[in-house]
Amino acid sequence: MTATTSSPPDVATTDDRVDRLRDAAYRIRRHALDMGEVQGQGYIGQALGVADVLAVLFGDVLRFRAADPEWPERDRFLLSIGHYAIAAYAAFAEAGILPVEELETYGSDGSRLPMSAMASYTPGMEISGGSLGHGLGIATGMALGLRHQGRAARVVNLLSDGELNEGATWEAAMSCAHHGLSNVLAVVDVNALQADGPTAGVLRVDHLTDKWTAFGWNARRVDGNDIPALLTALDELRDAPDRPSVLLCDTRPGRGVPMLETREKAHFLRVETHEWQIARDQLLESSTPTEGHQR
């Protein structure tokens, strides 16, 4: 949002709420494709897959001021999966934190938008990401600090199912529960894919809801490409006053662009020059604009 977000609505899936967020998810995907074309390759699959999640977080959950990214009362959005930066930039542009025209500089010399997230460069980027497994630990310390300061702000950490292979993530999960950090929301992109192949073949992370619940968290698992389901789950997770919450989001890499959804090597996509416009056309065809909305 381009101003301080208001309190979340009580009704989970009103038509206008869902339509607004679907439109935002479309634009986030379109921004990601446009940025990907600048480099000709990149983590496009993840950006397309997580677009619905980001649309809901920035359009319905997070409290922030687009013109003042350092506003002390803001909710903190931590991107520990630094290679998802392209997705975050697209969401920042949709939220008004970044100018849309600046996305054209993605990955270029002197740009504020490097290919891996860096807090020192980009407005709205709270932490630098790279090596996985550190985001939830930072979120734990940050949430403790906010609580000691008496601030109502929440810390939302977007991480990946691959990060659940990291022991540090589970140490942080224990610490969050131990301290009763109800101001922490972990959002896990469960796309079942890592750099070395399918997550199931690298190191399985089965029974995720039960695992997080056993660690003392309030846990929900949903289709991360279903906006009404995301809204319902997030509304339910707001009602956990004494413990941290986690939303496990099953997403599909390349979502919205059938040509890319079926690519075998989807972790880092190489897209031919002539395919970018095909991808945009497929995205538009697979999306249903809200009546009267121009894209």
Protein backbone atom coordinates (compact mmCIF):
# COMPACT_ATOMS: atom_id res chain seq x y z
CA MET A 1 0.00 0.00 0.00
CA THR A 2 1.15 3.53 -0.60
CA ALA A 3 0.31 4.69 2.90
CA THR A 4 0.14 3.22 6.37
CA THR A 5 -1.94 0.08 6.16
CA SER A 6 -5.10 -0.04 8.19
CA SER A 7 -6.13 -2.82 10.52
CA PRO A 8 -6.94 -6.05 8.65
CA PRO A 9 -10.62 -6.50 7.83
CA ASP A 10 -12.63 -9.03 9.82
CA VAL A 11 -14.18 -10.70 6.79
CA ALA A 12 -11.65 -13.02 5.16
CA THR A 13 -12.74 -13.30 1.57
CA THR A 14 -14.91 -10.38 0.47
CA ASP A 15 -15.00 -10.13 -3.31
CA ASP A 16 -13.40 -6.69 -3.52
CA ARG A 17 -10.60 -7.75 -1.17
CA VAL A 18 -9.81 -10.83 -3.24
CA ASP A 19 -10.08 -9.01 -6.58
CA ARG A 20 -7.77 -6.25 -5.39
CA LEU A 21 -5.12 -8.76 -4.31
CA ARG A 22 -5.44 -10.82 -7.50
CA ASP A 23 -4.80 -7.69 -9.51
CA ALA A 24 -1.76 -6.95 -7.34
CA ALA A 25 -0.44 -10.49 -7.83
CA TYR A 26 -0.78 -10.09 -11.59
CA ARG A 27 1.24 -6.89 -11.53
CA ILE A 28 3.91 -8.45 -9.30
CA ARG A 29 4.27 -11.28 -11.82
CA ARG A 30 4.39 -8.82 -14.71
CA HIS A 31 7.07 -6.75 -12.95
CA ALA A 32 9.11 -9.90 -12.34
CA LEU A 33 8.97 -10.86 -16.03
CA ASP A 34 9.99 -7.36 -17.07
CA MET A 35 12.96 -7.44 -14.70
CA GLY A 36 13.91 -10.94 -15.81
CA GLU A 37 14.08 -9.75 -19.40
CA VAL A 38 16.70 -7.17 -18.38
CA GLN A 39 19.07 -10.01 -17.45
CA GLY A 40 17.66 -12.71 -19.73
CA GLN A 41 17.57 -15.16 -16.86
CA GLY A 42 17.10 -15.38 -13.12
CA TYR A 43 14.93 -16.64 -10.31
CA ILE A 44 11.77 -16.04 -12.29
CA GLY A 45 10.09 -19.29 -11.30
CA GLN A 46 10.17 -18.42 -7.61
CA ALA A 47 8.92 -14.88 -8.25
CA LEU A 48 5.94 -16.13 -10.23
CA GLY A 49 5.22 -18.82 -7.67
CA VAL A 50 5.28 -16.57 -4.61
CA ALA A 51 3.48 -13.57 -6.15
CA ASP A 52 0.12 -14.36 -4.54
CA VAL A 53 1.75 -14.63 -1.12
CA LEU A 54 3.53 -11.30 -1.54
CA ALA A 55 0.38 -9.61 -2.83
CA VAL A 56 -1.48 -10.67 0.31
CA LEU A 57 1.35 -9.73 2.68
CA PHE A 58 1.92 -6.25 1.26
CA GLY A 59 -1.69 -5.56 0.36
CA ASP A 60 -3.44 -6.91 3.43
CA VAL A 61 -1.12 -7.85 6.29
CA LEU A 62 1.91 -5.61 6.71
CA ARG A 63 1.75 -2.16 8.30
CA PHE A 64 4.12 0.28 6.62
CA ARG A 65 4.51 3.70 5.06
CA ALA A 66 5.69 3.51 1.49
CA ALA A 67 7.21 6.98 1.59
CA ASP A 68 8.97 6.28 4.91
CA PRO A 69 10.54 2.80 4.84
CA GLU A 70 12.24 3.50 8.20
CA TRP A 71 8.99 4.35 10.02
CA PRO A 72 9.64 3.02 13.57
CA GLU A 73 6.18 1.48 13.97
CA ARG A 74 6.34 -0.49 10.70
CA ASP A 75 6.05 -4.25 10.53
CA ARG A 76 9.40 -5.73 9.56
CA PHE A 77 9.47 -7.87 6.41
CA LEU A 78 12.56 -10.10 6.38
CA LEU A 79 13.56 -11.79 3.14
CA SER A 80 16.02 -14.47 4.21
CA ILE A 81 15.92 -16.11 0.77
CA GLY A 82 18.06 -13.44 -0.85
CA HIS A 83 17.74 -14.86 -4.35
CA TYR A 84 14.01 -14.03 -4.19
CA ALA A 85 15.01 -10.36 -4.43
CA ILE A 86 13.39 -10.06 -7.86
CA ALA A 87 10.07 -11.05 -6.29
CA ALA A 88 10.52 -8.62 -3.40
CA TYR A 89 11.36 -5.72 -5.74
CA ALA A 90 8.22 -6.43 -7.73
CA ALA A 91 6.18 -6.40 -4.51
CA PHE A 92 7.90 -3.19 -3.33
CA ALA A 93 6.98 -1.51 -6.60
CA GLU A 94 3.39 -2.66 -6.30
CA ALA A 95 3.33 -1.32 -2.73
CA GLY A 96 4.75 2.05 -3.78
CA ILE A 97 8.03 1.63 -1.90
CA LEU A 98 9.99 1.64 -5.18
CA PRO A 99 9.16 3.50 -8.40
CA VAL A 100 8.01 1.06 -11.06
CA GLU A 101 10.40 2.61 -13.60
CA GLU A 102 13.37 1.79 -11.34
CA LEU A 103 12.75 -1.91 -11.92
CA GLU A 104 14.39 -1.46 -15.32
CA THR A 105 17.74 -1.12 -13.53
CA TYR A 106 17.51 -4.57 -11.94
CA GLY A 107 20.93 -6.20 -11.64
CA SER A 108 22.70 -3.35 -13.45
CA ASP A 109 25.84 -1.53 -12.34
CA GLY A 110 25.01 1.19 -9.83
CA SER A 111 21.44 -0.05 -9.33
CA ARG A 112 19.72 -0.13 -5.94
CA LEU A 113 18.29 -3.49 -7.04
CA PRO A 114 21.06 -6.13 -6.98
CA MET A 115 20.23 -9.70 -7.99
CA SER A 116 20.59 -10.85 -4.37
CA ALA A 117 18.91 -8.84 -1.62
CA MET A 118 21.06 -6.29 0.22
CA ALA A 119 19.71 -4.08 2.98
CA SER A 120 22.37 -1.42 2.38
CA TYR A 121 21.10 -0.78 -1.17
CA THR A 122 17.35 -1.13 -1.32
CA PRO A 123 14.59 0.82 0.49
CA GLY A 124 12.32 -1.61 2.32
CA MET A 125 14.90 -4.42 2.43
CA GLU A 126 15.44 -5.06 6.14
CA ILE A 127 18.24 -7.66 5.90
CA SER A 128 20.76 -8.91 3.36
CA GLY A 129 20.13 -12.44 2.14
CA GLY A 130 22.42 -15.02 0.67
CA SER A 131 23.40 -18.02 2.72
CA LEU A 132 20.13 -19.57 3.83
CA GLY A 133 18.97 -20.30 7.36
CA HIS A 134 19.61 -16.94 9.05
CA GLY A 135 16.31 -15.11 8.57
CA LEU A 136 14.33 -16.66 11.39
CA GLY A 137 17.16 -16.14 13.86
CA ILE A 138 17.29 -12.45 12.96
CA ALA A 139 13.50 -12.31 13.22
CA THR A 140 13.70 -13.75 16.74
CA GLY A 141 16.12 -11.11 17.95
CA MET A 142 14.26 -8.34 16.18
CA ALA A 143 10.93 -9.41 17.67
CA LEU A 144 12.44 -9.53 21.16
CA GLY A 145 13.80 -6.02 20.65
CA LEU A 146 10.47 -4.67 19.49
CA ARG A 147 8.73 -6.25 22.46
CA HIS A 148 11.23 -4.69 24.89
CA GLN A 149 10.63 -1.32 23.23
CA GLY A 150 6.90 -1.73 23.72
CA ARG A 151 6.18 -1.54 20.00
CA ALA A 152 3.22 -3.33 18.45
CA ALA A 153 5.07 -4.03 15.21
CA ARG A 154 5.30 -7.59 13.91
CA VAL A 155 8.17 -9.37 12.19
CA VAL A 156 7.25 -11.34 9.08
CA ASN A 157 9.96 -13.67 7.75
CA LEU A 158 9.59 -15.10 4.26
CA LEU A 159 11.69 -18.24 3.99
CA SER A 160 11.80 -21.33 1.81
CA ASP A 161 11.29 -25.03 2.38
CA GLY A 162 14.96 -25.46 1.49
CA GLU A 163 15.82 -23.34 4.55
CA LEU A 164 14.13 -25.96 6.68
CA ASN A 165 17.15 -28.15 5.93
CA GLU A 166 19.18 -25.73 8.08
CA GLY A 167 19.56 -26.48 11.78
CA ALA A 168 19.75 -22.78 12.62
CA THR A 169 16.17 -22.39 11.42
CA TRP A 170 14.93 -24.91 13.98
CA GLU A 171 17.03 -23.38 16.75
CA ALA A 172 15.33 -20.09 16.00
CA ALA A 173 11.94 -21.79 15.92
CA MET A 174 12.57 -23.13 19.42
CA SER A 175 13.68 -19.71 20.64
CA CYS A 176 10.58 -18.00 19.22
CA ALA A 177 8.30 -20.45 20.98
CA HIS A 178 10.31 -20.31 24.22
CA HIS A 179 9.94 -16.53 24.39
CA GLY A 180 6.29 -16.61 23.31
CA LEU A 181 6.95 -14.28 20.40
CA SER A 182 3.44 -13.81 19.10
CA ASN A 183 4.78 -10.88 17.05
CA VAL A 184 6.57 -13.30 14.70
CA LEU A 185 4.97 -14.70 11.55
CA ALA A 186 7.03 -17.10 9.46
CA VAL A 187 5.82 -17.61 5.90
CA VAL A 188 7.37 -20.61 4.16
CA ASP A 189 7.36 -20.91 0.38
CA VAL A 190 7.02 -24.66 -0.08
CA ASN A 191 7.81 -25.00 -3.77
CA ALA A 192 9.54 -28.38 -3.34
CA LEU A 193 12.58 -27.21 -5.33
CA GLN A 194 16.19 -26.39 -4.50
CA ALA A 195 19.31 -25.53 -6.47
CA ASP A 196 20.41 -29.19 -6.38
CA GLY A 197 17.02 -30.59 -7.37
CA PRO A 198 13.67 -31.45 -5.80
CA THR A 199 13.61 -30.92 -2.04
CA ALA A 200 12.39 -34.49 -1.55
CA GLY A 201 15.58 -35.76 -3.17
CA VAL A 202 17.99 -33.40 -1.38
CA LEU A 203 16.65 -33.68 2.17
CA ARG A 204 12.98 -34.41 2.80
CA VAL A 205 10.95 -32.07 5.00
CA ASP A 206 7.84 -34.16 5.63
CA HIS A 207 4.93 -33.52 8.03
CA LEU A 208 5.70 -29.82 8.19
CA THR A 209 2.55 -28.73 9.98
CA ASP A 210 3.08 -31.34 12.70
CA LYS A 211 6.76 -30.37 13.03
CA TRP A 212 6.04 -26.69 13.56
CA THR A 213 3.19 -27.47 15.95
CA ALA A 214 5.51 -29.71 17.96
CA PHE A 215 7.96 -26.82 18.17
CA GLY A 216 5.26 -24.73 19.83
CA TRP A 217 4.01 -22.75 16.85
CA ASN A 218 0.52 -22.00 15.61
CA ALA A 219 0.68 -23.57 12.14
CA ARG A 220 -1.46 -23.59 9.01
CA ARG A 221 -0.78 -25.05 5.55
CA VAL A 222 -2.51 -23.80 2.42
CA ASP A 223 -2.30 -23.57 -1.34
CA GLY A 224 -0.02 -20.55 -1.67
CA ASN A 225 -1.50 -19.71 -5.08
CA ASP A 226 -5.05 -19.50 -3.69
CA ILE A 227 -5.64 -15.97 -2.43
CA PRO A 228 -8.91 -16.68 -0.55
CA ALA A 229 -7.21 -19.59 1.23
CA LEU A 230 -4.25 -17.39 2.14
CA LEU A 231 -6.55 -14.72 3.55
CA THR A 232 -8.55 -17.20 5.61
CA ALA A 233 -5.42 -18.80 7.07
CA LEU A 234 -3.79 -15.47 7.91
CA ASP A 235 -6.97 -14.24 9.58
CA GLU A 236 -6.97 -17.39 11.71
CA LEU A 237 -3.29 -17.00 12.61
CA ARG A 238 -3.95 -13.53 14.00
CA ASP A 239 -5.82 -15.20 16.85
CA ALA A 240 -2.73 -16.76 18.48
CA PRO A 241 -1.80 -14.29 21.24
CA ASP A 242 0.78 -16.36 23.10
CA ARG A 243 2.90 -18.05 20.46
CA PRO A 244 4.54 -17.45 17.07
CA SER A 245 2.71 -18.39 13.89
CA VAL A 246 3.79 -20.04 10.65
CA LEU A 247 2.00 -20.20 7.31
CA LEU A 248 3.19 -22.99 5.03
CA CYS A 249 2.42 -22.08 1.42
CA ASP A 250 2.51 -24.73 -1.30
CA THR A 251 3.37 -22.85 -4.49
CA ARG A 252 4.19 -23.78 -8.07
CA PRO A 253 7.31 -22.29 -9.68
CA GLY A 254 6.39 -20.33 -12.80
CA ARG A 255 2.76 -19.98 -11.73
CA GLY A 256 0.66 -18.09 -14.26
CA VAL A 257 2.96 -18.76 -17.22
CA PRO A 258 2.33 -22.32 -18.47
CA MET A 259 5.46 -22.30 -20.62
CA LEU A 260 7.59 -21.73 -17.52
CA GLU A 261 5.57 -23.94 -15.18
CA THR A 262 6.68 -26.96 -17.20
CA ARG A 263 10.40 -26.16 -17.38
CA GLU A 264 12.44 -29.00 -15.89
CA LYS A 265 15.22 -26.80 -14.49
CA ALA A 266 13.08 -24.18 -12.80
CA HIS A 267 15.32 -23.04 -9.94
CA PHE A 268 17.26 -20.61 -12.15
CA LEU A 269 15.50 -20.05 -15.44
CA ARG A 270 17.12 -19.12 -18.71
CA VAL A 271 14.55 -17.64 -21.05
CA GLU A 272 15.19 -17.07 -24.74
CA THR A 273 14.86 -13.54 -26.10
CA HIS A 274 11.73 -14.30 -28.08
CA GLU A 275 10.05 -16.04 -25.12
CA TRP A 276 9.61 -13.03 -22.84
CA GLN A 277 6.67 -11.61 -24.77
CA ILE A 278 5.17 -15.08 -25.02
CA ALA A 279 5.44 -15.30 -21.24
CA ARG A 280 3.70 -11.95 -20.78
CA ASP A 281 0.93 -12.97 -23.18
CA GLN A 282 0.42 -16.27 -21.33
CA LEU A 283 0.33 -14.44 -18.00
CA LEU A 284 -2.36 -12.09 -19.25
CA GLU A 285 -4.35 -14.97 -20.72
CA SER A 286 -4.20 -16.99 -17.49
CA SER A 287 -5.23 -14.02 -15.33
CA THR A 288 -8.75 -12.71 -14.94
CA PRO A 289 -8.71 -8.93 -14.55
CA THR A 290 -11.19 -7.33 -12.22
CA GLU A 291 -14.04 -5.79 -14.25
CA GLY A 292 -13.07 -2.31 -15.31
CA HIS A 293 -9.41 -2.71 -14.35
CA GLN A 294 -6.84 -1.88 -17.00
CA ARG A 295 -3.60 -3.85 -17.29
